[in-house]
PDB file of N, CA and C in Angstrom:
ATOM      1  N   MET A   1     110.322 -15.522  97.561  1.00  0.00           N
ATOM      2  CA  MET A   1     109.630 -14.547  96.757  1.00  0.00           C
ATOM      3  C   MET A   1     108.246 -14.315  97.328  1.00  0.00           C
ATOM      4  N   SER A   2     107.733 -13.140  97.046  1.00  0.00           N
ATOM      5  CA  SER A   2     106.372 -12.809  97.471  1.00  0.00           C
ATOM      6  C   SER A   2     105.678 -12.028  96.365  1.00  0.00           C
ATOM      7  N   VAL A   3     104.356 -12.090  96.382  1.00  0.00           N
ATOM      8  CA  VAL A   3     103.549 -11.338  95.420  1.00  0.00           C
ATOM      9  C   VAL A   3     102.787 -10.261  96.186  1.00  0.00           C
ATOM     10  N   ILE A   4     102.693  -9.087  95.585  1.00  0.00           N
ATOM     11  CA  ILE A   4     102.001  -7.976  96.226  1.00  0.00           C
ATOM     12  C   ILE A   4     100.972  -7.414  95.258  1.00  0.00           C
ATOM     13  N   ALA A   5      99.719  -7.474  95.674  1.00  0.00           N
ATOM     14  CA  ALA A   5      98.617  -6.888  94.907  1.00  0.00           C
ATOM     15  C   ALA A   5      98.336  -5.524  95.509  1.00  0.00           C
ATOM     16  N   SER A   6      98.385  -4.495  94.684  1.00  0.00           N
ATOM     17  CA  SER A   6      98.269  -3.136  95.214  1.00  0.00           C
ATOM     18  C   SER A   6      96.999  -2.414  94.777  1.00  0.00           C
ATOM     19  N   LYS A   7      95.961  -3.162  94.434  1.00  0.00           N
ATOM     20  CA  LYS A   7      94.686  -2.586  93.992  1.00  0.00           C
ATOM     21  C   LYS A   7      94.867  -1.638  92.809  1.00  0.00           C
ATOM     22  N   SER A   8      95.793  -2.016  91.943  1.00  0.00           N
ATOM     23  CA  SER A   8      95.998  -1.304  90.686  1.00  0.00           C
ATOM     24  C   SER A   8      95.856  -2.358  89.585  1.00  0.00           C
ATOM     25  N   LEU A   9      96.412  -2.115  88.434  1.00  0.00           N
ATOM     26  CA  LEU A   9      96.364  -3.106  87.357  1.00  0.00           C
ATOM     27  C   LEU A   9      97.527  -4.092  87.413  1.00  0.00           C
ATOM     28  N   LYS A  10      98.385  -3.984  88.428  1.00  0.00           N
ATOM     29  CA  LYS A  10      99.593  -4.811  88.466  1.00  0.00           C
ATOM     30  C   LYS A  10      99.736  -5.594  89.756  1.00  0.00           C
ATOM     31  N   VAL A  11     100.396  -6.747  89.622  1.00  0.00           N
ATOM     32  CA  VAL A  11     100.886  -7.534  90.750  1.00  0.00           C
ATOM     33  C   VAL A  11     102.405  -7.475  90.657  1.00  0.00           C
ATOM     34  N   SER A  12     103.053  -7.212  91.772  1.00  0.00           N
ATOM     35  CA  SER A  12     104.518  -7.134  91.781  1.00  0.00           C
ATOM     36  C   SER A  12     105.102  -8.396  92.405  1.00  0.00           C
ATOM     37  N   ILE A  13     106.178  -8.885  91.798  1.00  0.00           N
ATOM     38  CA  ILE A  13     106.907 -10.044  92.309  1.00  0.00           C
ATOM     39  C   ILE A  13     108.167  -9.517  92.985  1.00  0.00           C
ATOM     40  N   PHE A  14     108.270  -9.758  94.279  1.00  0.00           N
ATOM     41  CA  PHE A  14     109.408  -9.241  95.039  1.00  0.00           C
ATOM     42  C   PHE A  14     110.315 -10.359  95.506  1.00  0.00           C
ATOM     43  N   PHE A  15     111.621 -10.073  95.499  1.00  0.00           N
ATOM     44  CA  PHE A  15     112.618 -10.945  96.097  1.00  0.00           C
ATOM     45  C   PHE A  15     112.862 -10.397  97.495  1.00  0.00           C
ATOM     46  N   GLN A  16     112.469 -11.139  98.509  1.00  0.00           N
ATOM     47  CA  GLN A  16     112.450 -10.639  99.872  1.00  0.00           C
ATOM     48  C   GLN A  16     113.829 -10.306 100.437  1.00  0.00           C
ATOM     49  N   GLU A  17     114.833 -11.064 100.064  1.00  0.00           N
ATOM     50  CA  GLU A  17     116.163 -10.856 100.643  1.00  0.00           C
ATOM     51  C   GLU A  17     116.770  -9.509 100.270  1.00  0.00           C
ATOM     52  N   THR A  18     116.450  -9.010  99.078  1.00  0.00           N
ATOM     53  CA  THR A  18     117.014  -7.730  98.636  1.00  0.00           C
ATOM     54  C   THR A  18     115.963  -6.624  98.574  1.00  0.00           C
ATOM     55  N   PHE A  19     114.719  -6.950  98.907  1.00  0.00           N
ATOM     56  CA  PHE A  19     113.612  -5.999  98.852  1.00  0.00           C
ATOM     57  C   PHE A  19     113.477  -5.364  97.470  1.00  0.00           C
ATOM     58  N   SER A  20     113.741  -6.154  96.440  1.00  0.00           N
ATOM     59  CA  SER A  20     113.676  -5.620  95.081  1.00  0.00           C
ATOM     60  C   SER A  20     112.515  -6.243  94.303  1.00  0.00           C
ATOM     61  N   CYS A  21     111.931  -5.418  93.443  1.00  0.00           N
ATOM     62  CA  CYS A  21     110.853  -5.879  92.574  1.00  0.00           C
ATOM     63  C   CYS A  21     111.484  -6.506  91.331  1.00  0.00           C
ATOM     64  N   LEU A  22     111.195  -7.788  91.116  1.00  0.00           N
ATOM     65  CA  LEU A  22     111.759  -8.498  89.968  1.00  0.00           C
ATOM     66  C   LEU A  22     110.931  -8.287  88.701  1.00  0.00           C
ATOM     67  N   LYS A  23     109.620  -8.337  88.840  1.00  0.00           N
ATOM     68  CA  LYS A  23     108.699  -8.178  87.704  1.00  0.00           C
ATOM     69  C   LYS A  23     107.381  -7.622  88.208  1.00  0.00           C
ATOM     70  N   SER A  24     106.644  -7.056  87.290  1.00  0.00           N
ATOM     71  CA  SER A  24     105.249  -6.698  87.529  1.00  0.00           C
ATOM     72  C   SER A  24     104.416  -7.393  86.468  1.00  0.00           C
ATOM     73  N   LEU A  25     103.266  -7.902  86.880  1.00  0.00           N
ATOM     74  CA  LEU A  25     102.346  -8.590  85.977  1.00  0.00           C
ATOM     75  C   LEU A  25     101.152  -7.674  85.753  1.00  0.00           C
ATOM     76  N   ARG A  26     100.966  -7.219  84.519  1.00  0.00           N
ATOM     77  CA  ARG A  26      99.908  -6.248  84.213  1.00  0.00           C
ATOM     78  C   ARG A  26      98.619  -6.955  83.785  1.00  0.00           C
ATOM     79  N   HIS A  27      97.513  -6.508  84.383  1.00  0.00           N
ATOM     80  CA  HIS A  27      96.190  -7.059  84.100  1.00  0.00           C
ATOM     81  C   HIS A  27      95.323  -6.022  83.412  1.00  0.00           C
ATOM     82  N   GLU A  28      94.171  -6.471  82.905  1.00  0.00           N
ATOM     83  CA  GLU A  28      93.258  -5.570  82.216  1.00  0.00           C
ATOM     84  C   GLU A  28      92.216  -4.967  83.150  1.00  0.00           C
ATOM     85  N   SER A  29      92.122  -5.491  84.370  1.00  0.00           N
ATOM     86  CA  SER A  29      91.220  -4.913  85.361  1.00  0.00           C
ATOM     87  C   SER A  29      91.936  -4.867  86.710  1.00  0.00           C
ATOM     88  N   LYS A  30      91.374  -4.120  87.626  1.00  0.00           N
ATOM     89  CA  LYS A  30      92.031  -3.889  88.909  1.00  0.00           C
ATOM     90  C   LYS A  30      92.263  -5.199  89.665  1.00  0.00           C
ATOM     91  N   VAL A  31      93.473  -5.342  90.203  1.00  0.00           N
ATOM     92  CA  VAL A  31      93.868  -6.519  90.973  1.00  0.00           C
ATOM     93  C   VAL A  31      93.432  -6.323  92.419  1.00  0.00           C
ATOM     94  N   LEU A  32      92.767  -7.331  92.984  1.00  0.00           N
ATOM     95  CA  LEU A  32      92.304  -7.242  94.365  1.00  0.00           C
ATOM     96  C   LEU A  32      93.067  -8.172  95.306  1.00  0.00           C
ATOM     97  N   ASN A  33      93.580  -9.287  94.794  1.00  0.00           N
ATOM     98  CA  ASN A  33      94.245 -10.265  95.638  1.00  0.00           C
ATOM     99  C   ASN A  33      95.134 -11.143  94.775  1.00  0.00           C
ATOM    100  N   ALA A  34      96.228 -11.628  95.358  1.00  0.00           N
ATOM    101  CA  ALA A  34      97.107 -12.538  94.630  1.00  0.00           C
ATOM    102  C   ALA A  34      97.776 -13.486  95.612  1.00  0.00           C
ATOM    103  N   THR A  35      98.048 -14.689  95.159  1.00  0.00           N
ATOM    104  CA  THR A  35      98.757 -15.663  95.970  1.00  0.00           C
ATOM    105  C   THR A  35      99.690 -16.465  95.074  1.00  0.00           C
ATOM    106  N   LEU A  36     100.718 -17.016  95.679  1.00  0.00           N
ATOM    107  CA  LEU A  36     101.731 -17.800  94.957  1.00  0.00           C
ATOM    108  C   LEU A  36     101.729 -19.211  95.504  1.00  0.00           C
ATOM    109  N   ASN A  37     101.662 -20.203  94.602  1.00  0.00           N
ATOM    110  CA  ASN A  37     101.648 -21.602  95.015  1.00  0.00           C
ATOM    111  C   ASN A  37     102.331 -22.454  93.955  1.00  0.00           C
ATOM    112  N   ASP A  38     103.407 -23.119  94.334  1.00  0.00           N
ATOM    113  CA  ASP A  38     104.118 -24.051  93.437  1.00  0.00           C
ATOM    114  C   ASP A  38     104.406 -23.449  92.061  1.00  0.00           C
ATOM    115  N   GLY A  39     104.883 -22.216  92.037  1.00  0.00           N
ATOM    116  CA  GLY A  39     105.269 -21.586  90.786  1.00  0.00           C
ATOM    117  C   GLY A  39     104.131 -20.982  89.986  1.00  0.00           C
ATOM    118  N   ILE A  40     102.934 -20.985  90.535  1.00  0.00           N
ATOM    119  CA  ILE A  40     101.784 -20.391  89.864  1.00  0.00           C
ATOM    120  C   ILE A  40     101.302 -19.207  90.696  1.00  0.00           C
ATOM    121  N   VAL A  41     101.154 -18.051  90.055  1.00  0.00           N
ATOM    122  CA  VAL A  41     100.582 -16.873  90.696  1.00  0.00           C
ATOM    123  C   VAL A  41      99.108 -16.834  90.308  1.00  0.00           C
ATOM    124  N   VAL A  42      98.233 -16.823  91.312  1.00  0.00           N
ATOM    125  CA  VAL A  42      96.794 -16.777  91.071  1.00  0.00           C
ATOM    126  C   VAL A  42      96.308 -15.403  91.522  1.00  0.00           C
ATOM    127  N   VAL A  43      95.613 -14.699  90.617  1.00  0.00           N
ATOM    128  CA  VAL A  43      95.227 -13.310  90.857  1.00  0.00           C
ATOM    129  C   VAL A  43      93.714 -13.156  90.728  1.00  0.00           C
ATOM    130  N   GLY A  44      93.101 -12.597  91.766  1.00  0.00           N
ATOM    131  CA  GLY A  44      91.681 -12.266  91.732  1.00  0.00           C
ATOM    132  C   GLY A  44      91.513 -10.813  91.327  1.00  0.00           C
ATOM    133  N   CYS A  45      90.683 -10.574  90.328  1.00  0.00           N
ATOM    134  CA  CYS A  45      90.538  -9.228  89.766  1.00  0.00           C
ATOM    135  C   CYS A  45      89.091  -8.750  89.824  1.00  0.00           C
ATOM    136  N   GLN A  46      88.966  -7.483  89.531  1.00  0.00           N
ATOM    137  CA  GLN A  46      87.656  -6.865  89.370  1.00  0.00           C
ATOM    138  C   GLN A  46      86.959  -7.529  88.183  1.00  0.00           C
ATOM    139  N   TYR A  47      85.669  -7.422  88.121  1.00  0.00           N
ATOM    140  CA  TYR A  47      84.842  -7.975  87.035  1.00  0.00           C
ATOM    141  C   TYR A  47      84.851  -9.504  86.995  1.00  0.00           C
ATOM    142  N   GLY A  48      85.220 -10.158  88.102  1.00  0.00           N
ATOM    143  CA  GLY A  48      85.131 -11.611  88.190  1.00  0.00           C
ATOM    144  C   GLY A  48      86.199 -12.385  87.457  1.00  0.00           C
ATOM    145  N   LEU A  49      87.311 -11.757  87.142  1.00  0.00           N
ATOM    146  CA  LEU A  49      88.385 -12.452  86.433  1.00  0.00           C
ATOM    147  C   LEU A  49      89.358 -13.089  87.404  1.00  0.00           C
ATOM    148  N   LEU A  50      89.731 -14.337  87.133  1.00  0.00           N
ATOM    149  CA  LEU A  50      90.742 -15.065  87.888  1.00  0.00           C
ATOM    150  C   LEU A  50      91.852 -15.406  86.907  1.00  0.00           C
ATOM    151  N   VAL A  51      93.067 -14.913  87.192  1.00  0.00           N
ATOM    152  CA  VAL A  51      94.173 -15.017  86.240  1.00  0.00           C
ATOM    153  C   VAL A  51      95.281 -15.889  86.820  1.00  0.00           C
ATOM    154  N   PHE A  52      95.799 -16.816  86.005  1.00  0.00           N
ATOM    155  CA  PHE A  52      96.866 -17.732  86.412  1.00  0.00           C
ATOM    156  C   PHE A  52      98.128 -17.414  85.614  1.00  0.00           C
ATOM    157  N   TRP A  53      99.249 -17.231  86.315  1.00  0.00           N
ATOM    158  CA  TRP A  53     100.545 -16.924  85.694  1.00  0.00           C
ATOM    159  C   TRP A  53     101.558 -18.005  86.046  1.00  0.00           C
ATOM    160  N   ASN A  54     102.388 -18.366  85.092  1.00  0.00           N
ATOM    161  CA  ASN A  54     103.532 -19.227  85.348  1.00  0.00           C
ATOM    162  C   ASN A  54     104.678 -18.320  85.787  1.00  0.00           C
ATOM    163  N   LEU A  55     105.072 -18.426  87.052  1.00  0.00           N
ATOM    164  CA  LEU A  55     106.068 -17.519  87.611  1.00  0.00           C
ATOM    165  C   LEU A  55     107.403 -17.630  86.889  1.00  0.00           C
ATOM    166  N   LYS A  56     107.849 -18.835  86.622  1.00  0.00           N
ATOM    167  CA  LYS A  56     109.152 -19.032  85.955  1.00  0.00           C
ATOM    168  C   LYS A  56     109.164 -18.359  84.589  1.00  0.00           C
ATOM    169  N   ALA A  57     108.112 -18.548  83.803  1.00  0.00           N
ATOM    170  CA  ALA A  57     108.041 -17.941  82.470  1.00  0.00           C
ATOM    171  C   ALA A  57     107.991 -16.418  82.555  1.00  0.00           C
ATOM    172  N   ALA A  58     107.291 -15.894  83.553  1.00  0.00           N
ATOM    173  CA  ALA A  58     107.229 -14.433  83.721  1.00  0.00           C
ATOM    174  C   ALA A  58     108.598 -13.874  84.084  1.00  0.00           C
ATOM    175  N   LEU A  59     109.306 -14.551  84.981  1.00  0.00           N
ATOM    176  CA  LEU A  59     110.630 -14.084  85.387  1.00  0.00           C
ATOM    177  C   LEU A  59     111.644 -14.159  84.252  1.00  0.00           C
ATOM    178  N   GLU A  60     111.464 -15.094  83.324  1.00  0.00           N
ATOM    179  CA  GLU A  60     112.375 -15.238  82.185  1.00  0.00           C
ATOM    180  C   GLU A  60     112.123 -14.202  81.094  1.00  0.00           C
ATOM    181  N   SER A  61     110.994 -13.510  81.165  1.00  0.00           N
ATOM    182  CA  SER A  61     110.679 -12.488  80.170  1.00  0.00           C
ATOM    183  C   SER A  61     111.678 -11.337  80.254  1.00  0.00           C
ATOM    184  N   SER A  62     112.016 -10.760  79.114  1.00  0.00           N
ATOM    185  CA  SER A  62     112.938  -9.618  79.106  1.00  0.00           C
ATOM    186  C   SER A  62     112.261  -8.327  79.570  1.00  0.00           C
ATOM    187  N   ALA A  63     110.949  -8.305  79.563  1.00  0.00           N
ATOM    188  CA  ALA A  63     110.209  -7.110  79.976  1.00  0.00           C
ATOM    189  C   ALA A  63     110.172  -6.995  81.500  1.00  0.00           C
ATOM    190  N   VAL A  64     110.241  -5.783  82.001  1.00  0.00           N
ATOM    191  CA  VAL A  64     110.111  -5.547  83.444  1.00  0.00           C
ATOM    192  C   VAL A  64     108.649  -5.668  83.855  1.00  0.00           C
ATOM    193  N   VAL A  65     107.760  -5.169  82.999  1.00  0.00           N
ATOM    194  CA  VAL A  65     106.322  -5.296  83.209  1.00  0.00           C
ATOM    195  C   VAL A  65     105.803  -6.284  82.164  1.00  0.00           C
ATOM    196  N   VAL A  66     105.298  -7.418  82.644  1.00  0.00           N
ATOM    197  CA  VAL A  66     104.836  -8.482  81.756  1.00  0.00           C
ATOM    198  C   VAL A  66     103.340  -8.310  81.542  1.00  0.00           C
ATOM    199  N   ASP A  67     102.935  -8.213  80.291  1.00  0.00           N
ATOM    200  CA  ASP A  67     101.550  -7.976  79.916  1.00  0.00           C
ATOM    201  C   ASP A  67     100.749  -9.275  79.958  1.00  0.00           C
ATOM    202  N   ILE A  68      99.463  -9.143  80.166  1.00  0.00           N
ATOM    203  CA  ILE A  68      98.577 -10.305  80.260  1.00  0.00           C
ATOM    204  C   ILE A  68      98.546 -11.129  78.963  1.00  0.00           C
ATOM    205  N   ASN A  69      98.977 -10.564  77.851  1.00  0.00           N
ATOM    206  CA  ASN A  69      99.027 -11.293  76.585  1.00  0.00           C
ATOM    207  C   ASN A  69     100.305 -12.114  76.427  1.00  0.00           C
ATOM    208  N   HIS A  70     101.219 -12.024  77.392  1.00  0.00           N
ATOM    209  CA  HIS A  70     102.470 -12.794  77.349  1.00  0.00           C
ATOM    210  C   HIS A  70     102.165 -14.266  77.613  1.00  0.00           C
ATOM    211  N   GLN A  71     103.000 -15.153  77.091  1.00  0.00           N
ATOM    212  CA  GLN A  71     102.798 -16.593  77.245  1.00  0.00           C
ATOM    213  C   GLN A  71     102.827 -17.062  78.690  1.00  0.00           C
ATOM    214  N   SER A  72     103.369 -16.274  79.603  1.00  0.00           N
ATOM    215  CA  SER A  72     103.405 -16.666  81.015  1.00  0.00           C
ATOM    216  C   SER A  72     102.027 -16.573  81.673  1.00  0.00           C
ATOM    217  N   CYS A  73     101.092 -15.857  81.065  1.00  0.00           N
ATOM    218  CA  CYS A  73      99.703 -15.848  81.522  1.00  0.00           C
ATOM    219  C   CYS A  73      99.054 -17.093  80.928  1.00  0.00           C
ATOM    220  N   VAL A  74      98.865 -18.118  81.756  1.00  0.00           N
ATOM    221  CA  VAL A  74      98.465 -19.423  81.235  1.00  0.00           C
ATOM    222  C   VAL A  74      96.958 -19.640  81.167  1.00  0.00           C
ATOM    223  N   LYS A  75      96.192 -18.882  81.972  1.00  0.00           N
ATOM    224  CA  LYS A  75      94.739 -19.090  81.939  1.00  0.00           C
ATOM    225  C   LYS A  75      94.031 -17.889  82.552  1.00  0.00           C
ATOM    226  N   ILE A  76      92.870 -17.566  81.989  1.00  0.00           N
ATOM    227  CA  ILE A  76      91.995 -16.543  82.554  1.00  0.00           C
ATOM    228  C   ILE A  76      90.598 -17.153  82.651  1.00  0.00           C
ATOM    229  N   LEU A  77      90.051 -17.176  83.861  1.00  0.00           N
ATOM    230  CA  LEU A  77      88.702 -17.685  84.074  1.00  0.00           C
ATOM    231  C   LEU A  77      87.772 -16.522  84.398  1.00  0.00           C
ATOM    232  N   SER A  78      86.536 -16.624  83.949  1.00  0.00           N
ATOM    233  CA  SER A  78      85.548 -15.582  84.249  1.00  0.00           C
ATOM    234  C   SER A  78      84.279 -16.214  84.796  1.00  0.00           C
ATOM    235  N   GLU A  79      84.431 -17.131  85.742  1.00  0.00           N
ATOM    236  CA  GLU A  79      83.289 -17.841  86.302  1.00  0.00           C
ATOM    237  C   GLU A  79      82.533 -17.028  87.348  1.00  0.00           C
ATOM    238  N   HIS A  80      83.190 -16.057  87.966  1.00  0.00           N
ATOM    239  CA  HIS A  80      82.539 -15.220  88.967  1.00  0.00           C
ATOM    240  C   HIS A  80      81.808 -14.067  88.297  1.00  0.00           C
ATOM    241  N   SER A  81      80.711 -13.628  88.920  1.00  0.00           N
ATOM    242  CA  SER A  81      79.952 -12.511  88.370  1.00  0.00           C
ATOM    243  C   SER A  81      80.376 -11.177  88.975  1.00  0.00           C
ATOM    244  N   GLY A  82      81.121 -11.217  90.069  1.00  0.00           N
ATOM    245  CA  GLY A  82      81.574  -9.994  90.722  1.00  0.00           C
ATOM    246  C   GLY A  82      83.067 -10.041  90.986  1.00  0.00           C
ATOM    247  N   ALA A  83      83.599  -8.938  91.495  1.00  0.00           N
ATOM    248  CA  ALA A  83      85.024  -8.834  91.800  1.00  0.00           C
ATOM    249  C   ALA A  83      85.440  -9.924  92.798  1.00  0.00           C
ATOM    250  N   ILE A  84      86.685 -10.396  92.678  1.00  0.00           N
ATOM    251  CA  ILE A  84      87.205 -11.495  93.498  1.00  0.00           C
ATOM    252  C   ILE A  84      88.201 -10.944  94.520  1.00  0.00           C
ATOM    253  N   PRO A  85      87.735 -10.667  95.750  1.00  0.00           N
ATOM    254  CA  PRO A  85      88.631 -10.088  96.745  1.00  0.00           C
ATOM    255  C   PRO A  85      89.487 -11.107  97.494  1.00  0.00           C
ATOM    256  N   ASN A  86      89.122 -12.397  97.424  1.00  0.00           N
ATOM    257  CA  ASN A  86      89.854 -13.412  98.181  1.00  0.00           C
ATOM    258  C   ASN A  86      90.219 -14.600  97.305  1.00  0.00           C
ATOM    259  N   VAL A  87      91.490 -14.960  97.360  1.00  0.00           N
ATOM    260  CA  VAL A  87      92.012 -16.130  96.667  1.00  0.00           C
ATOM    261  C   VAL A  87      92.824 -16.899  97.697  1.00  0.00           C
ATOM    262  N   VAL A  88      92.399 -18.135  97.994  1.00  0.00           N
ATOM    263  CA  VAL A  88      93.067 -18.935  99.018  1.00  0.00           C
ATOM    264  C   VAL A  88      93.354 -20.317  98.445  1.00  0.00           C
ATOM    265  N   ILE A  89      94.545 -20.822  98.729  1.00  0.00           N
ATOM    266  CA  ILE A  89      94.896 -22.186  98.331  1.00  0.00           C
ATOM    267  C   ILE A  89      95.076 -22.992  99.603  1.00  0.00           C
ATOM    268  N   ASP A  90      94.302 -24.070  99.721  1.00  0.00           N
ATOM    269  CA  ASP A  90      94.338 -24.934 100.890  1.00  0.00           C
ATOM    270  C   ASP A  90      94.541 -26.362 100.403  1.00  0.00           C
ATOM    271  N   GLY A  91      95.744 -26.886 100.636  1.00  0.00           N
ATOM    272  CA  GLY A  91      96.056 -28.202 100.107  1.00  0.00           C
ATOM    273  C   GLY A  91      96.004 -28.165  98.599  1.00  0.00           C
ATOM    274  N   GLY A  92      95.207 -28.994  98.000  1.00  0.00           N
ATOM    275  CA  GLY A  92      95.077 -29.015  96.549  1.00  0.00           C
ATOM    276  C   GLY A  92      93.886 -28.249  96.035  1.00  0.00           C
ATOM    277  N   GLU A  93      93.224 -27.483  96.920  1.00  0.00           N
ATOM    278  CA  GLU A  93      92.032 -26.754  96.506  1.00  0.00           C
ATOM    279  C   GLU A  93      92.282 -25.253  96.433  1.00  0.00           C
ATOM    280  N   LEU A  94      91.730 -24.651  95.398  1.00  0.00           N
ATOM    281  CA  LEU A  94      91.744 -23.203  95.211  1.00  0.00           C
ATOM    282  C   LEU A  94      90.351 -22.705  95.553  1.00  0.00           C
ATOM    283  N   ILE A  95      90.281 -21.775  96.506  1.00  0.00           N
ATOM    284  CA  ILE A  95      88.995 -21.261  96.974  1.00  0.00           C
ATOM    285  C   ILE A  95      88.936 -19.771  96.647  1.00  0.00           C
ATOM    286  N   THR A  96      87.899 -19.358  95.943  1.00  0.00           N
ATOM    287  CA  THR A  96      87.709 -17.948  95.598  1.00  0.00           C
ATOM    288  C   THR A  96      86.293 -17.529  95.967  1.00  0.00           C
ATOM    289  N   ASP A  97      86.149 -16.247  96.249  1.00  0.00           N
ATOM    290  CA  ASP A  97      84.801 -15.716  96.463  1.00  0.00           C
ATOM    291  C   ASP A  97      84.683 -14.388  95.748  1.00  0.00           C
ATOM    292  N   ASP A  98      83.436 -13.925  95.620  1.00  0.00           N
ATOM    293  CA  ASP A  98      83.228 -12.633  94.972  1.00  0.00           C
ATOM    294  C   ASP A  98      82.265 -11.792  95.791  1.00  0.00           C
ATOM    295  N   TYR A  99      82.120 -10.538  95.397  1.00  0.00           N
ATOM    296  CA  TYR A  99      81.274  -9.606  96.136  1.00  0.00           C
ATOM    297  C   TYR A  99      79.791  -9.943  96.039  1.00  0.00           C
ATOM    298  N   ASP A 100      79.414 -10.866  95.150  1.00  0.00           N
ATOM    299  CA  ASP A 100      78.026 -11.288  95.047  1.00  0.00           C
ATOM    300  C   ASP A 100      77.701 -12.440  95.987  1.00  0.00           C
ATOM    301  N   GLY A 101      78.684 -12.930  96.741  1.00  0.00           N
ATOM    302  CA  GLY A 101      78.459 -13.999  97.705  1.00  0.00           C
ATOM    303  C   GLY A 101      78.700 -15.392  97.182  1.00  0.00           C
ATOM    304  N   VAL A 102      79.246 -15.536  96.003  1.00  0.00           N
ATOM    305  CA  VAL A 102      79.505 -16.847  95.424  1.00  0.00           C
ATOM    306  C   VAL A 102      80.917 -17.298  95.809  1.00  0.00           C
ATOM    307  N   VAL A 103      81.001 -18.524  96.340  1.00  0.00           N
ATOM    308  CA  VAL A 103      82.285 -19.142  96.669  1.00  0.00           C
ATOM    309  C   VAL A 103      82.461 -20.334  95.744  1.00  0.00           C
ATOM    310  N   ILE A 104      83.626 -20.411  95.072  1.00  0.00           N
ATOM    311  CA  ILE A 104      83.885 -21.519  94.159  1.00  0.00           C
ATOM    312  C   ILE A 104      85.137 -22.260  94.627  1.00  0.00           C
ATOM    313  N   LEU A 105      85.033 -23.589  94.696  1.00  0.00           N
ATOM    314  CA  LEU A 105      86.170 -24.447  95.003  1.00  0.00           C
ATOM    315  C   LEU A 105      86.629 -25.108  93.712  1.00  0.00           C
ATOM    316  N   ARG A 106      87.936 -25.113  93.498  1.00  0.00           N
ATOM    317  CA  ARG A 106      88.519 -25.730  92.299  1.00  0.00           C
ATOM    318  C   ARG A 106      89.682 -26.612  92.693  1.00  0.00           C
ATOM    319  N   LYS A 107      89.980 -27.572  91.829  1.00  0.00           N
ATOM    320  CA  LYS A 107      91.217 -28.335  91.975  1.00  0.00           C
ATOM    321  C   LYS A 107      92.352 -27.434  91.510  1.00  0.00           C
ATOM    322  N   MET A 108      93.370 -27.254  92.328  1.00  0.00           N
ATOM    323  CA  MET A 108      94.453 -26.342  91.976  1.00  0.00           C
ATOM    324  C   MET A 108      95.234 -26.834  90.761  1.00  0.00           C
ATOM    325  N   ASN A 109      95.454 -28.137  90.650  1.00  0.00           N
ATOM    326  CA  ASN A 109      96.287 -28.632  89.548  1.00  0.00           C
ATOM    327  C   ASN A 109      95.627 -28.529  88.181  1.00  0.00           C
ATOM    328  N   SER A 110      94.303 -28.518  88.114  1.00  0.00           N
ATOM    329  CA  SER A 110      93.618 -28.429  86.816  1.00  0.00           C
ATOM    330  C   SER A 110      92.764 -27.169  86.686  1.00  0.00           C
ATOM    331  N   HIS A 111      92.560 -26.454  87.787  1.00  0.00           N
ATOM    332  CA  HIS A 111      91.730 -25.246  87.847  1.00  0.00           C
ATOM    333  C   HIS A 111      90.269 -25.541  87.558  1.00  0.00           C
ATOM    334  N   SER A 112      89.891 -26.837  87.544  1.00  0.00           N
ATOM    335  CA  SER A 112      88.503 -27.180  87.249  1.00  0.00           C
ATOM    336  C   SER A 112      87.647 -27.052  88.507  1.00  0.00           C
ATOM    337  N   GLU A 113      86.417 -26.625  88.302  1.00  0.00           N
ATOM    338  CA  GLU A 113      85.509 -26.384  89.415  1.00  0.00           C
ATOM    339  C   GLU A 113      85.115 -27.685  90.089  1.00  0.00           C
ATOM    340  N   ILE A 114      85.183 -27.693  91.415  1.00  0.00           N
ATOM    341  CA  ILE A 114      84.679 -28.815  92.195  1.00  0.00           C
ATOM    342  C   ILE A 114      83.212 -28.559  92.518  1.00  0.00           C
ATOM    343  N   ARG A 115      82.936 -27.370  93.078  1.00  0.00           N
ATOM    344  CA  ARG A 115      81.546 -27.002  93.361  1.00  0.00           C
ATOM    345  C   ARG A 115      81.462 -25.520  93.731  1.00  0.00           C
ATOM    346  N   SER A 116      80.258 -24.983  93.583  1.00  0.00           N
ATOM    347  CA  SER A 116      79.952 -23.634  94.058  1.00  0.00           C
ATOM    348  C   SER A 116      79.170 -23.807  95.350  1.00  0.00           C
ATOM    349  N   ILE A 117      79.523 -23.027  96.357  1.00  0.00           N
ATOM    350  CA  ILE A 117      78.907 -23.194  97.660  1.00  0.00           C
ATOM    351  C   ILE A 117      77.639 -22.361  97.810  1.00  0.00           C
ATOM    352  N   PHE A 118      77.607 -21.170  97.276  1.00  0.00           N
ATOM    353  CA  PHE A 118      76.460 -20.277  97.482  1.00  0.00           C
ATOM    354  C   PHE A 118      76.173 -19.510  96.214  1.00  0.00           C
ATOM    355  N   HIS A 119      74.959 -19.628  95.759  1.00  0.00           N
ATOM    356  CA  HIS A 119      74.496 -18.832  94.616  1.00  0.00           C
ATOM    357  C   HIS A 119      73.331 -17.996  95.112  1.00  0.00           C
ATOM    358  N   PRO A 120      73.525 -16.688  95.310  1.00  0.00           N
ATOM    359  CA  PRO A 120      72.463 -15.846  95.865  1.00  0.00           C
ATOM    360  C   PRO A 120      71.173 -15.867  95.058  1.00  0.00           C
ATOM    361  N   GLU A 121      71.251 -16.045  93.741  1.00  0.00           N
ATOM    362  CA  GLU A 121      70.030 -16.013  92.933  1.00  0.00           C
ATOM    363  C   GLU A 121      69.097 -17.186  93.239  1.00  0.00           C
ATOM    364  N   LYS A 122      69.600 -18.258  93.832  1.00  0.00           N
ATOM    365  CA  LYS A 122      68.754 -19.384  94.190  1.00  0.00           C
ATOM    366  C   LYS A 122      67.868 -19.082  95.391  1.00  0.00           C
ATOM    367  N   TYR A 123      68.179 -18.038  96.105  1.00  0.00           N
ATOM    368  CA  TYR A 123      67.449 -17.732  97.332  1.00  0.00           C
ATOM    369  C   TYR A 123      66.474 -16.570  97.168  1.00  0.00           C
ATOM    370  N   TYR A 124      66.250 -16.097  95.961  1.00  0.00           N
ATOM    371  CA  TYR A 124      65.309 -14.989  95.731  1.00  0.00           C
ATOM    372  C   TYR A 124      64.045 -15.464  95.094  1.00  0.00           C
TER     373      TYR A 124
END
């Protein structure tokens, strides 16, 4: 399976072997990036929102387009002050950045912040 972020309000879940869209995950702000790791879809959105989806629960939904209020949306974080164009998972760490220059490292299994690498306001 693969996830495709199309800079709209949705992330599409595709089954690669048949080139078919299984589900779409609808967000409240524009989607900029998405990645899939161990059954969790992590989505970076406009306005600094980071959204976590349980892939299995989303696929089990009867709806073709699963809304952000569905139980498969397990967490929404708003720790970034700007849009999140990059979401990377490296080992057990989730790395995100925003257009304001802030990079945040989190533990992937708990989504808790490990540290922020750059805060531009500290340098003014």
